[in-house]
Amino acid sequence: MKMGKKDVIEEKLLRFVAPNLYEKMVEVFAAQNIHSYDIYATVVKQEDGYELSLRFSQSFSQSVTTFISFDQAKNPDDETLVFFKETAEKCKNQLISDYYKMIKL
């Protein structure tokens, strides 16, 4: 029996693939007092853009995903900013929740 070739999903760090988009994300999250180390941002290259995944929470168990075109990766638009702002709010609420769970231990 021959083993077939597996399709390898190549997930890469946003910081290196799309630095402009990463900087905009950091800027939006910083406005909510969220450090870049609190977010794990990765992209998977598609035919006409990237699938962007942002993971957050104490163990990076919470995740949100969206599609970003190559143009949006180079020049983040309003739609991208809205996504970052909504995700930053979710992340902030989750970090606050995680904090209160931690101090109750």
PDB file of N, CA and C in Angstrom:
ATOM      1  N   MET A   1       0.835  -1.196   0.000  1.00  0.00           N
ATOM      2  CA  MET A   1       0.000   0.000   0.000  1.00  0.00           C
ATOM      3  C   MET A   1       0.871   1.248   0.000  1.00  0.00           C
ATOM      4  N   LYS A   2       0.512   2.180  -0.851  1.00  0.00           N
ATOM      5  CA  LYS A   2       1.226   3.447  -0.892  1.00  0.00           C
ATOM      6  C   LYS A   2       0.440   4.487  -0.114  1.00  0.00           C
ATOM      7  N   MET A   3       1.171   5.273   0.595  1.00  0.00           N
ATOM      8  CA  MET A   3       0.553   6.381   1.315  1.00  0.00           C
ATOM      9  C   MET A   3       0.455   7.571   0.374  1.00  0.00           C
ATOM     10  N   GLY A   4      -0.708   8.190   0.305  1.00  0.00           N
ATOM     11  CA  GLY A   4      -0.897   9.351  -0.555  1.00  0.00           C
ATOM     12  C   GLY A   4      -0.267  10.590   0.059  1.00  0.00           C
ATOM     13  N   LYS A   5      -0.030  11.573  -0.779  1.00  0.00           N
ATOM     14  CA  LYS A   5       0.503  12.840  -0.282  1.00  0.00           C
ATOM     15  C   LYS A   5      -0.576  13.558   0.524  1.00  0.00           C
ATOM     16  N   LYS A   6      -0.204  14.039   1.666  1.00  0.00           N
ATOM     17  CA  LYS A   6      -1.154  14.797   2.486  1.00  0.00           C
ATOM     18  C   LYS A   6      -1.099  16.265   2.093  1.00  0.00           C
ATOM     19  N   ASP A   7      -2.265  16.893   2.115  1.00  0.00           N
ATOM     20  CA  ASP A   7      -2.294  18.333   1.915  1.00  0.00           C
ATOM     21  C   ASP A   7      -1.878  18.981   3.222  1.00  0.00           C
ATOM     22  N   VAL A   8      -0.784  19.704   3.176  1.00  0.00           N
ATOM     23  CA  VAL A   8      -0.261  20.336   4.377  1.00  0.00           C
ATOM     24  C   VAL A   8      -0.806  21.760   4.443  1.00  0.00           C
ATOM     25  N   ILE A   9      -1.458  22.059   5.534  1.00  0.00           N
ATOM     26  CA  ILE A   9      -1.944  23.420   5.754  1.00  0.00           C
ATOM     27  C   ILE A   9      -0.809  24.185   6.401  1.00  0.00           C
ATOM     28  N   GLU A  10      -0.359  25.187   5.721  1.00  0.00           N
ATOM     29  CA  GLU A  10       0.784  25.953   6.183  1.00  0.00           C
ATOM     30  C   GLU A  10       0.315  27.203   6.914  1.00  0.00           C
ATOM     31  N   GLU A  11       0.266  27.111   8.224  1.00  0.00           N
ATOM     32  CA  GLU A  11      -0.150  28.237   9.054  1.00  0.00           C
ATOM     33  C   GLU A  11       1.104  29.024   9.422  1.00  0.00           C
ATOM     34  N   LYS A  12       1.061  30.325   9.151  1.00  0.00           N
ATOM     35  CA  LYS A  12       2.221  31.174   9.429  1.00  0.00           C
ATOM     36  C   LYS A  12       1.805  32.328  10.327  1.00  0.00           C
ATOM     37  N   LEU A  13       2.778  32.882  11.030  1.00  0.00           N
ATOM     38  CA  LEU A  13       2.508  34.012  11.911  1.00  0.00           C
ATOM     39  C   LEU A  13       2.192  35.265  11.102  1.00  0.00           C
ATOM     40  N   LEU A  14       1.135  35.951  11.501  1.00  0.00           N
ATOM     41  CA  LEU A  14       0.705  37.169  10.832  1.00  0.00           C
ATOM     42  C   LEU A  14       1.818  38.206  10.804  1.00  0.00           C
ATOM     43  N   ARG A  15       2.561  38.288  11.870  1.00  0.00           N
ATOM     44  CA  ARG A  15       3.616  39.292  12.017  1.00  0.00           C
ATOM     45  C   ARG A  15       4.603  39.276  10.847  1.00  0.00           C
ATOM     46  N   PHE A  16       4.894  38.088  10.334  1.00  0.00           N
ATOM     47  CA  PHE A  16       5.889  37.962   9.279  1.00  0.00           C
ATOM     48  C   PHE A  16       5.275  37.976   7.878  1.00  0.00           C
ATOM     49  N   VAL A  17       4.048  37.492   7.752  1.00  0.00           N
ATOM     50  CA  VAL A  17       3.401  37.406   6.444  1.00  0.00           C
ATOM     51  C   VAL A  17       2.842  38.764   6.007  1.00  0.00           C
ATOM     52  N   ALA A  18       2.199  39.457   6.935  1.00  0.00           N
ATOM     53  CA  ALA A  18       1.561  40.747   6.614  1.00  0.00           C
ATOM     54  C   ALA A  18       1.867  41.761   7.713  1.00  0.00           C
ATOM     55  N   PRO A  19       3.075  42.327   7.706  1.00  0.00           N
ATOM     56  CA  PRO A  19       3.472  43.242   8.788  1.00  0.00           C
ATOM     57  C   PRO A  19       2.569  44.471   8.942  1.00  0.00           C
ATOM     58  N   ASN A  20       2.053  45.017   7.821  1.00  0.00           N
ATOM     59  CA  ASN A  20       1.159  46.183   7.925  1.00  0.00           C
ATOM     60  C   ASN A  20      -0.117  45.830   8.672  1.00  0.00           C
ATOM     61  N   LEU A  21      -0.671  44.679   8.353  1.00  0.00           N
ATOM     62  CA  LEU A  21      -1.892  44.214   9.008  1.00  0.00           C
ATOM     63  C   LEU A  21      -1.623  43.932  10.490  1.00  0.00           C
ATOM     64  N   TYR A  22      -0.479  43.336  10.769  1.00  0.00           N
ATOM     65  CA  TYR A  22      -0.100  43.040  12.156  1.00  0.00           C
ATOM     66  C   TYR A  22       0.016  44.330  12.967  1.00  0.00           C
ATOM     67  N   GLU A  23       0.672  45.327  12.404  1.00  0.00           N
ATOM     68  CA  GLU A  23       0.843  46.604  13.118  1.00  0.00           C
ATOM     69  C   GLU A  23      -0.511  47.250  13.408  1.00  0.00           C
ATOM     70  N   LYS A  24      -1.431  47.183  12.440  1.00  0.00           N
ATOM     71  CA  LYS A  24      -2.767  47.758  12.644  1.00  0.00           C
ATOM     72  C   LYS A  24      -3.502  46.995  13.743  1.00  0.00           C
ATOM     73  N   MET A  25      -3.357  45.656  13.750  1.00  0.00           N
ATOM     74  CA  MET A  25      -3.987  44.838  14.783  1.00  0.00           C
ATOM     75  C   MET A  25      -3.438  45.206  16.165  1.00  0.00           C
ATOM     76  N   VAL A  26      -2.126  45.329  16.265  1.00  0.00           N
ATOM     77  CA  VAL A  26      -1.498  45.683  17.544  1.00  0.00           C
ATOM     78  C   VAL A  26      -1.983  47.048  18.015  1.00  0.00           C
ATOM     79  N   GLU A  27      -2.111  47.980  17.092  1.00  0.00           N
ATOM     80  CA  GLU A  27      -2.589  49.328  17.417  1.00  0.00           C
ATOM     81  C   GLU A  27      -4.012  49.287  17.982  1.00  0.00           C
ATOM     82  N   VAL A  28      -4.895  48.533  17.335  1.00  0.00           N
ATOM     83  CA  VAL A  28      -6.288  48.428  17.789  1.00  0.00           C
ATOM     84  C   VAL A  28      -6.371  47.736  19.145  1.00  0.00           C
ATOM     85  N   PHE A  29      -5.618  46.664  19.325  1.00  0.00           N
ATOM     86  CA  PHE A  29      -5.647  45.948  20.592  1.00  0.00           C
ATOM     87  C   PHE A  29      -5.010  46.770  21.711  1.00  0.00           C
ATOM     88  N   ALA A  30      -3.973  47.544  21.399  1.00  0.00           N
ATOM     89  CA  ALA A  30      -3.327  48.400  22.396  1.00  0.00           C
ATOM     90  C   ALA A  30      -4.296  49.457  22.920  1.00  0.00           C
ATOM     91  N   ALA A  31      -5.213  49.914  22.071  1.00  0.00           N
ATOM     92  CA  ALA A  31      -6.214  50.891  22.501  1.00  0.00           C
ATOM     93  C   ALA A  31      -7.122  50.303  23.588  1.00  0.00           C
ATOM     94  N   GLN A  32      -7.234  48.969  23.636  1.00  0.00           N
ATOM     95  CA  GLN A  32      -8.018  48.283  24.676  1.00  0.00           C
ATOM     96  C   GLN A  32      -7.108  47.783  25.810  1.00  0.00           C
ATOM     97  N   ASN A  33      -5.860  48.235  25.809  1.00  0.00           N
ATOM     98  CA  ASN A  33      -4.857  47.819  26.804  1.00  0.00           C
ATOM     99  C   ASN A  33      -4.560  46.323  26.747  1.00  0.00           C
ATOM    100  N   ILE A  34      -4.559  45.779  25.556  1.00  0.00           N
ATOM    101  CA  ILE A  34      -4.245  44.362  25.356  1.00  0.00           C
ATOM    102  C   ILE A  34      -2.897  44.289  24.662  1.00  0.00           C
ATOM    103  N   HIS A  35      -1.966  43.580  25.271  1.00  0.00           N
ATOM    104  CA  HIS A  35      -0.616  43.452  24.739  1.00  0.00           C
ATOM    105  C   HIS A  35      -0.591  42.449  23.582  1.00  0.00           C
ATOM    106  N   SER A  36       0.331  42.634  22.668  1.00  0.00           N
ATOM    107  CA  SER A  36       0.427  41.729  21.520  1.00  0.00           C
ATOM    108  C   SER A  36       0.717  40.287  21.928  1.00  0.00           C
ATOM    109  N   TYR A  37       1.306  40.082  23.106  1.00  0.00           N
ATOM    110  CA  TYR A  37       1.571  38.720  23.585  1.00  0.00           C
ATOM    111  C   TYR A  37       0.303  38.010  24.050  1.00  0.00           C
ATOM    112  N   ASP A  38      -0.794  38.750  24.205  1.00  0.00           N
ATOM    113  CA  ASP A  38      -2.063  38.153  24.608  1.00  0.00           C
ATOM    114  C   ASP A  38      -2.844  37.587  23.418  1.00  0.00           C
ATOM    115  N   ILE A  39      -2.310  37.789  22.203  1.00  0.00           N
ATOM    116  CA  ILE A  39      -2.976  37.341  20.985  1.00  0.00           C
ATOM    117  C   ILE A  39      -2.013  36.483  20.179  1.00  0.00           C
ATOM    118  N   TYR A  40      -2.538  35.391  19.639  1.00  0.00           N
ATOM    119  CA  TYR A  40      -1.750  34.544  18.749  1.00  0.00           C
ATOM    120  C   TYR A  40      -2.399  34.653  17.372  1.00  0.00           C
ATOM    121  N   ALA A  41      -1.764  35.395  16.480  1.00  0.00           N
ATOM    122  CA  ALA A  41      -2.338  35.687  15.166  1.00  0.00           C
ATOM    123  C   ALA A  41      -1.611  34.906  14.078  1.00  0.00           C
ATOM    124  N   THR A  42      -2.386  34.125  13.321  1.00  0.00           N
ATOM    125  CA  THR A  42      -1.800  33.332  12.239  1.00  0.00           C
ATOM    126  C   THR A  42      -2.630  33.500  10.969  1.00  0.00           C
ATOM    127  N   VAL A  43      -2.014  33.170   9.838  1.00  0.00           N
ATOM    128  CA  VAL A  43      -2.706  33.193   8.559  1.00  0.00           C
ATOM    129  C   VAL A  43      -2.400  31.921   7.780  1.00  0.00           C
ATOM    130  N   VAL A  44      -3.375  31.538   6.974  1.00  0.00           N
ATOM    131  CA  VAL A  44      -3.198  30.444   6.025  1.00  0.00           C
ATOM    132  C   VAL A  44      -3.479  31.046   4.653  1.00  0.00           C
ATOM    133  N   LYS A  45      -2.509  30.915   3.742  1.00  0.00           N
ATOM    134  CA  LYS A  45      -2.659  31.499   2.404  1.00  0.00           C
ATOM    135  C   LYS A  45      -3.692  30.718   1.603  1.00  0.00           C
ATOM    136  N   GLN A  46      -4.619  31.457   1.002  1.00  0.00           N
ATOM    137  CA  GLN A  46      -5.640  30.905   0.119  1.00  0.00           C
ATOM    138  C   GLN A  46      -5.366  31.422  -1.296  1.00  0.00           C
ATOM    139  N   GLU A  47      -6.237  31.096  -2.231  1.00  0.00           N
ATOM    140  CA  GLU A  47      -6.064  31.551  -3.619  1.00  0.00           C
ATOM    141  C   GLU A  47      -6.067  33.063  -3.764  1.00  0.00           C
ATOM    142  N   ASP A  48      -7.029  33.714  -3.116  1.00  0.00           N
ATOM    143  CA  ASP A  48      -7.184  35.155  -3.294  1.00  0.00           C
ATOM    144  C   ASP A  48      -7.041  35.963  -2.010  1.00  0.00           C
ATOM    145  N   GLY A  49      -6.361  35.398  -1.030  1.00  0.00           N
ATOM    146  CA  GLY A  49      -6.143  36.119   0.221  1.00  0.00           C
ATOM    147  C   GLY A  49      -5.670  35.196   1.325  1.00  0.00           C
ATOM    148  N   TYR A  50      -5.955  35.590   2.550  1.00  0.00           N
ATOM    149  CA  TYR A  50      -5.536  34.827   3.725  1.00  0.00           C
ATOM    150  C   TYR A  50      -6.721  34.520   4.627  1.00  0.00           C
ATOM    151  N   GLU A  51      -6.679  33.371   5.252  1.00  0.00           N
ATOM    152  CA  GLU A  51      -7.609  33.075   6.337  1.00  0.00           C
ATOM    153  C   GLU A  51      -6.879  33.484   7.610  1.00  0.00           C
ATOM    154  N   LEU A  52      -7.386  34.506   8.263  1.00  0.00           N
ATOM    155  CA  LEU A  52      -6.762  35.070   9.455  1.00  0.00           C
ATOM    156  C   LEU A  52      -7.413  34.485  10.698  1.00  0.00           C
ATOM    157  N   SER A  53      -6.596  33.950  11.599  1.00  0.00           N
ATOM    158  CA  SER A  53      -7.095  33.401  12.864  1.00  0.00           C
ATOM    159  C   SER A  53      -6.438  34.137  14.020  1.00  0.00           C
ATOM    160  N   LEU A  54      -7.268  34.592  14.944  1.00  0.00           N
ATOM    161  CA  LEU A  54      -6.770  35.229  16.159  1.00  0.00           C
ATOM    162  C   LEU A  54      -7.189  34.371  17.341  1.00  0.00           C
ATOM    163  N   ARG A  55      -6.219  33.952  18.135  1.00  0.00           N
ATOM    164  CA  ARG A  55      -6.505  33.157  19.326  1.00  0.00           C
ATOM    165  C   ARG A  55      -6.149  33.983  20.550  1.00  0.00           C
ATOM    166  N   PHE A  56      -6.980  33.831  21.575  1.00  0.00           N
ATOM    167  CA  PHE A  56      -6.755  34.583  22.802  1.00  0.00           C
ATOM    168  C   PHE A  56      -7.334  33.837  23.971  1.00  0.00           C
ATOM    169  N   SER A  57      -7.190  34.334  25.141  1.00  0.00           N
ATOM    170  CA  SER A  57      -7.599  33.835  26.451  1.00  0.00           C
ATOM    171  C   SER A  57      -6.379  33.244  27.127  1.00  0.00           C
ATOM    172  N   GLN A  58      -6.565  32.776  28.335  1.00  0.00           N
ATOM    173  CA  GLN A  58      -5.442  32.326  29.149  1.00  0.00           C
ATOM    174  C   GLN A  58      -4.629  31.236  28.446  1.00  0.00           C
ATOM    175  N   SER A  59      -5.292  30.292  27.790  1.00  0.00           N
ATOM    176  CA  SER A  59      -4.587  29.206  27.105  1.00  0.00           C
ATOM    177  C   SER A  59      -4.768  29.276  25.592  1.00  0.00           C
ATOM    178  N   PHE A  60      -5.128  30.455  25.073  1.00  0.00           N
ATOM    179  CA  PHE A  60      -5.380  30.672  23.650  1.00  0.00           C
ATOM    180  C   PHE A  60      -6.438  29.720  23.109  1.00  0.00           C
ATOM    181  N   SER A  61      -7.423  29.412  23.956  1.00  0.00           N
ATOM    182  CA  SER A  61      -8.479  28.475  23.577  1.00  0.00           C
ATOM    183  C   SER A  61      -9.620  29.146  22.806  1.00  0.00           C
ATOM    184  N   GLN A  62      -9.755  30.459  22.924  1.00  0.00           N
ATOM    185  CA  GLN A  62     -10.792  31.189  22.189  1.00  0.00           C
ATOM    186  C   GLN A  62     -10.222  31.591  20.839  1.00  0.00           C
ATOM    187  N   SER A  63     -11.051  31.493  19.798  1.00  0.00           N
ATOM    188  CA  SER A  63     -10.550  31.776  18.462  1.00  0.00           C
ATOM    189  C   SER A  63     -11.611  32.445  17.608  1.00  0.00           C
ATOM    190  N   VAL A  64     -11.170  33.380  16.766  1.00  0.00           N
ATOM    191  CA  VAL A  64     -12.019  33.987  15.751  1.00  0.00           C
ATOM    192  C   VAL A  64     -11.255  33.950  14.432  1.00  0.00           C
ATOM    193  N   THR A  65     -11.998  33.774  13.357  1.00  0.00           N
ATOM    194  CA  THR A  65     -11.383  33.639  12.043  1.00  0.00           C
ATOM    195  C   THR A  65     -12.138  34.493  11.035  1.00  0.00           C
ATOM    196  N   THR A  66     -11.403  35.061  10.095  1.00  0.00           N
ATOM    197  CA  THR A  66     -12.002  35.826   9.009  1.00  0.00           C
ATOM    198  C   THR A  66     -11.131  35.691   7.768  1.00  0.00           C
ATOM    199  N   PHE A  67     -11.680  36.114   6.640  1.00  0.00           N
ATOM    200  CA  PHE A  67     -10.914  36.106   5.398  1.00  0.00           C
ATOM    201  C   PHE A  67     -10.437  37.522   5.116  1.00  0.00           C
ATOM    202  N   ILE A  68      -9.162  37.651   4.771  1.00  0.00           N
ATOM    203  CA  ILE A  68      -8.558  38.938   4.439  1.00  0.00           C
ATOM    204  C   ILE A  68      -7.965  38.825   3.035  1.00  0.00           C
ATOM    205  N   SER A  69      -8.320  39.749   2.148  1.00  0.00           N
ATOM    206  CA  SER A  69      -7.746  39.726   0.796  1.00  0.00           C
ATOM    207  C   SER A  69      -6.286  40.184   0.866  1.00  0.00           C
ATOM    208  N   PHE A  70      -5.541  39.925  -0.198  1.00  0.00           N
ATOM    209  CA  PHE A  70      -4.144  40.359  -0.241  1.00  0.00           C
ATOM    210  C   PHE A  70      -4.044  41.875  -0.131  1.00  0.00           C
ATOM    211  N   ASP A  71      -4.992  42.587  -0.756  1.00  0.00           N
ATOM    212  CA  ASP A  71      -5.009  44.048  -0.692  1.00  0.00           C
ATOM    213  C   ASP A  71      -5.268  44.535   0.734  1.00  0.00           C
ATOM    214  N   GLN A  72      -6.218  43.887   1.430  1.00  0.00           N
ATOM    215  CA  GLN A  72      -6.503  44.268   2.821  1.00  0.00           C
ATOM    216  C   GLN A  72      -5.299  43.983   3.718  1.00  0.00           C
ATOM    217  N   ALA A  73      -4.529  42.958   3.397  1.00  0.00           N
ATOM    218  CA  ALA A  73      -3.341  42.638   4.193  1.00  0.00           C
ATOM    219  C   ALA A  73      -2.288  43.732   4.051  1.00  0.00           C
ATOM    220  N   LYS A  74      -2.194  44.314   2.856  1.00  0.00           N
ATOM    221  CA  LYS A  74      -1.219  45.386   2.634  1.00  0.00           C
ATOM    222  C   LYS A  74      -1.729  46.719   3.154  1.00  0.00           C
ATOM    223  N   ASN A  75      -3.017  46.980   2.943  1.00  0.00           N
ATOM    224  CA  ASN A  75      -3.643  48.243   3.350  1.00  0.00           C
ATOM    225  C   ASN A  75      -4.943  47.943   4.084  1.00  0.00           C
ATOM    226  N   PRO A  76      -4.874  47.732   5.400  1.00  0.00           N
ATOM    227  CA  PRO A  76      -6.089  47.394   6.162  1.00  0.00           C
ATOM    228  C   PRO A  76      -7.175  48.456   5.982  1.00  0.00           C
ATOM    229  N   ASP A  77      -8.398  48.000   5.675  1.00  0.00           N
ATOM    230  CA  ASP A  77      -9.521  48.906   5.449  1.00  0.00           C
ATOM    231  C   ASP A  77     -10.447  48.944   6.657  1.00  0.00           C
ATOM    232  N   ASP A  78     -11.581  49.644   6.510  1.00  0.00           N
ATOM    233  CA  ASP A  78     -12.526  49.797   7.615  1.00  0.00           C
ATOM    234  C   ASP A  78     -13.106  48.461   8.061  1.00  0.00           C
ATOM    235  N   GLU A  79     -13.384  47.574   7.114  1.00  0.00           N
ATOM    236  CA  GLU A  79     -13.929  46.254   7.451  1.00  0.00           C
ATOM    237  C   GLU A  79     -12.957  45.474   8.348  1.00  0.00           C
ATOM    238  N   THR A  80     -11.684  45.573   8.028  1.00  0.00           N
ATOM    239  CA  THR A  80     -10.647  44.905   8.820  1.00  0.00           C
ATOM    240  C   THR A  80     -10.561  45.526  10.210  1.00  0.00           C
ATOM    241  N   LEU A  81     -10.633  46.838  10.280  1.00  0.00           N
ATOM    242  CA  LEU A  81     -10.572  47.522  11.576  1.00  0.00           C
ATOM    243  C   LEU A  81     -11.755  47.149  12.463  1.00  0.00           C
ATOM    244  N   VAL A  82     -12.937  47.030  11.867  1.00  0.00           N
ATOM    245  CA  VAL A  82     -14.122  46.622  12.634  1.00  0.00           C
ATOM    246  C   VAL A  82     -13.913  45.220  13.197  1.00  0.00           C
ATOM    247  N   PHE A  83     -13.377  44.315  12.388  1.00  0.00           N
ATOM    248  CA  PHE A  83     -13.085  42.954  12.856  1.00  0.00           C
ATOM    249  C   PHE A  83     -12.115  42.989  14.040  1.00  0.00           C
ATOM    250  N   PHE A  84     -11.049  43.778  13.925  1.00  0.00           N
ATOM    251  CA  PHE A  84     -10.070  43.872  15.012  1.00  0.00           C
ATOM    252  C   PHE A  84     -10.694  44.474  16.274  1.00  0.00           C
ATOM    253  N   LYS A  85     -11.527  45.509  16.113  1.00  0.00           N
ATOM    254  CA  LYS A  85     -12.157  46.156  17.270  1.00  0.00           C
ATOM    255  C   LYS A  85     -13.108  45.199  17.985  1.00  0.00           C
ATOM    256  N   GLU A  86     -13.917  44.465  17.211  1.00  0.00           N
ATOM    257  CA  GLU A  86     -14.840  43.499  17.817  1.00  0.00           C
ATOM    258  C   GLU A  86     -14.076  42.384  18.527  1.00  0.00           C
ATOM    259  N   THR A  87     -13.001  41.917  17.910  1.00  0.00           N
ATOM    260  CA  THR A  87     -12.202  40.853  18.510  1.00  0.00           C
ATOM    261  C   THR A  87     -11.474  41.361  19.750  1.00  0.00           C
ATOM    262  N   ALA A  88     -10.997  42.593  19.705  1.00  0.00           N
ATOM    263  CA  ALA A  88     -10.323  43.173  20.871  1.00  0.00           C
ATOM    264  C   ALA A  88     -11.282  43.252  22.057  1.00  0.00           C
ATOM    265  N   GLU A  89     -12.529  43.601  21.788  1.00  0.00           N
ATOM    266  CA  GLU A  89     -13.535  43.668  22.854  1.00  0.00           C
ATOM    267  C   GLU A  89     -13.786  42.276  23.447  1.00  0.00           C
ATOM    268  N   LYS A  90     -13.915  41.265  22.585  1.00  0.00           N
ATOM    269  CA  LYS A  90     -14.101  39.886  23.060  1.00  0.00           C
ATOM    270  C   LYS A  90     -12.894  39.441  23.879  1.00  0.00           C
ATOM    271  N   CYS A  91     -11.720  39.764  23.375  1.00  0.00           N
ATOM    272  CA  CYS A  91     -10.487  39.380  24.063  1.00  0.00           C
ATOM    273  C   CYS A  91     -10.404  40.046  25.436  1.00  0.00           C
ATOM    274  N   LYS A  92     -10.719  41.322  25.496  1.00  0.00           N
ATOM    275  CA  LYS A  92     -10.682  42.050  26.767  1.00  0.00           C
ATOM    276  C   LYS A  92     -11.641  41.423  27.773  1.00  0.00           C
ATOM    277  N   ASN A  93     -12.862  41.128  27.328  1.00  0.00           N
ATOM    278  CA  ASN A  93     -13.846  40.518  28.218  1.00  0.00           C
ATOM    279  C   ASN A  93     -13.389  39.145  28.701  1.00  0.00           C
ATOM    280  N   GLN A  94     -12.770  38.371  27.812  1.00  0.00           N
ATOM    281  CA  GLN A  94     -12.281  37.041  28.179  1.00  0.00           C
ATOM    282  C   GLN A  94     -11.122  37.139  29.167  1.00  0.00           C
ATOM    283  N   LEU A  95     -10.211  38.080  28.943  1.00  0.00           N
ATOM    284  CA  LEU A  95      -9.078  38.248  29.858  1.00  0.00           C
ATOM    285  C   LEU A  95      -9.548  38.691  31.248  1.00  0.00           C
ATOM    286  N   ILE A  96     -10.556  39.547  31.286  1.00  0.00           N
ATOM    287  CA  ILE A  96     -11.120  39.973  32.572  1.00  0.00           C
ATOM    288  C   ILE A  96     -11.765  38.784  33.271  1.00  0.00           C
ATOM    289  N   SER A  97     -12.523  38.001  32.528  1.00  0.00           N
ATOM    290  CA  SER A  97     -13.154  36.804  33.083  1.00  0.00           C
ATOM    291  C   SER A  97     -12.112  35.814  33.606  1.00  0.00           C
ATOM    292  N   ASP A  98     -11.064  35.588  32.812  1.00  0.00           N
ATOM    293  CA  ASP A  98      -9.984  34.681  33.236  1.00  0.00           C
ATOM    294  C   ASP A  98      -9.319  35.193  34.511  1.00  0.00           C
ATOM    295  N   TYR A  99      -9.136  36.505  34.604  1.00  0.00           N
ATOM    296  CA  TYR A  99      -8.508  37.093  35.790  1.00  0.00           C
ATOM    297  C   TYR A  99      -9.345  36.843  37.037  1.00  0.00           C
ATOM    298  N   TYR A 100     -10.654  37.093  36.937  1.00  0.00           N
ATOM    299  CA  TYR A 100     -11.516  36.892  38.099  1.00  0.00           C
ATOM    300  C   TYR A 100     -11.600  35.425  38.495  1.00  0.00           C
ATOM    301  N   LYS A 101     -11.567  34.520  37.514  1.00  0.00           N
ATOM    302  CA  LYS A 101     -11.532  33.088  37.844  1.00  0.00           C
ATOM    303  C   LYS A 101     -10.241  32.737  38.576  1.00  0.00           C
ATOM    304  N   MET A 102      -9.148  33.344  38.143  1.00  0.00           N
ATOM    305  CA  MET A 102      -7.850  33.062  38.747  1.00  0.00           C
ATOM    306  C   MET A 102      -7.794  33.537  40.204  1.00  0.00           C
ATOM    307  N   ILE A 103      -8.316  34.733  40.490  1.00  0.00           N
ATOM    308  CA  ILE A 103      -8.200  35.237  41.854  1.00  0.00           C
ATOM    309  C   ILE A 103      -9.183  34.554  42.808  1.00  0.00           C
ATOM    310  N   LYS A 104     -10.180  33.852  42.272  1.00  0.00           N
ATOM    311  CA  LYS A 104     -11.107  33.115  43.138  1.00  0.00           C
ATOM    312  C   LYS A 104     -10.515  31.790  43.607  1.00  0.00           C
ATOM    313  N   LEU A 105      -9.449  31.329  42.941  1.00  0.00           N
ATOM    314  CA  LEU A 105      -8.842  30.048  43.320  1.00  0.00           C
ATOM    315  C   LEU A 105      -8.262  30.059  44.683  1.00  0.00           C
TER     316      LEU A 105
END
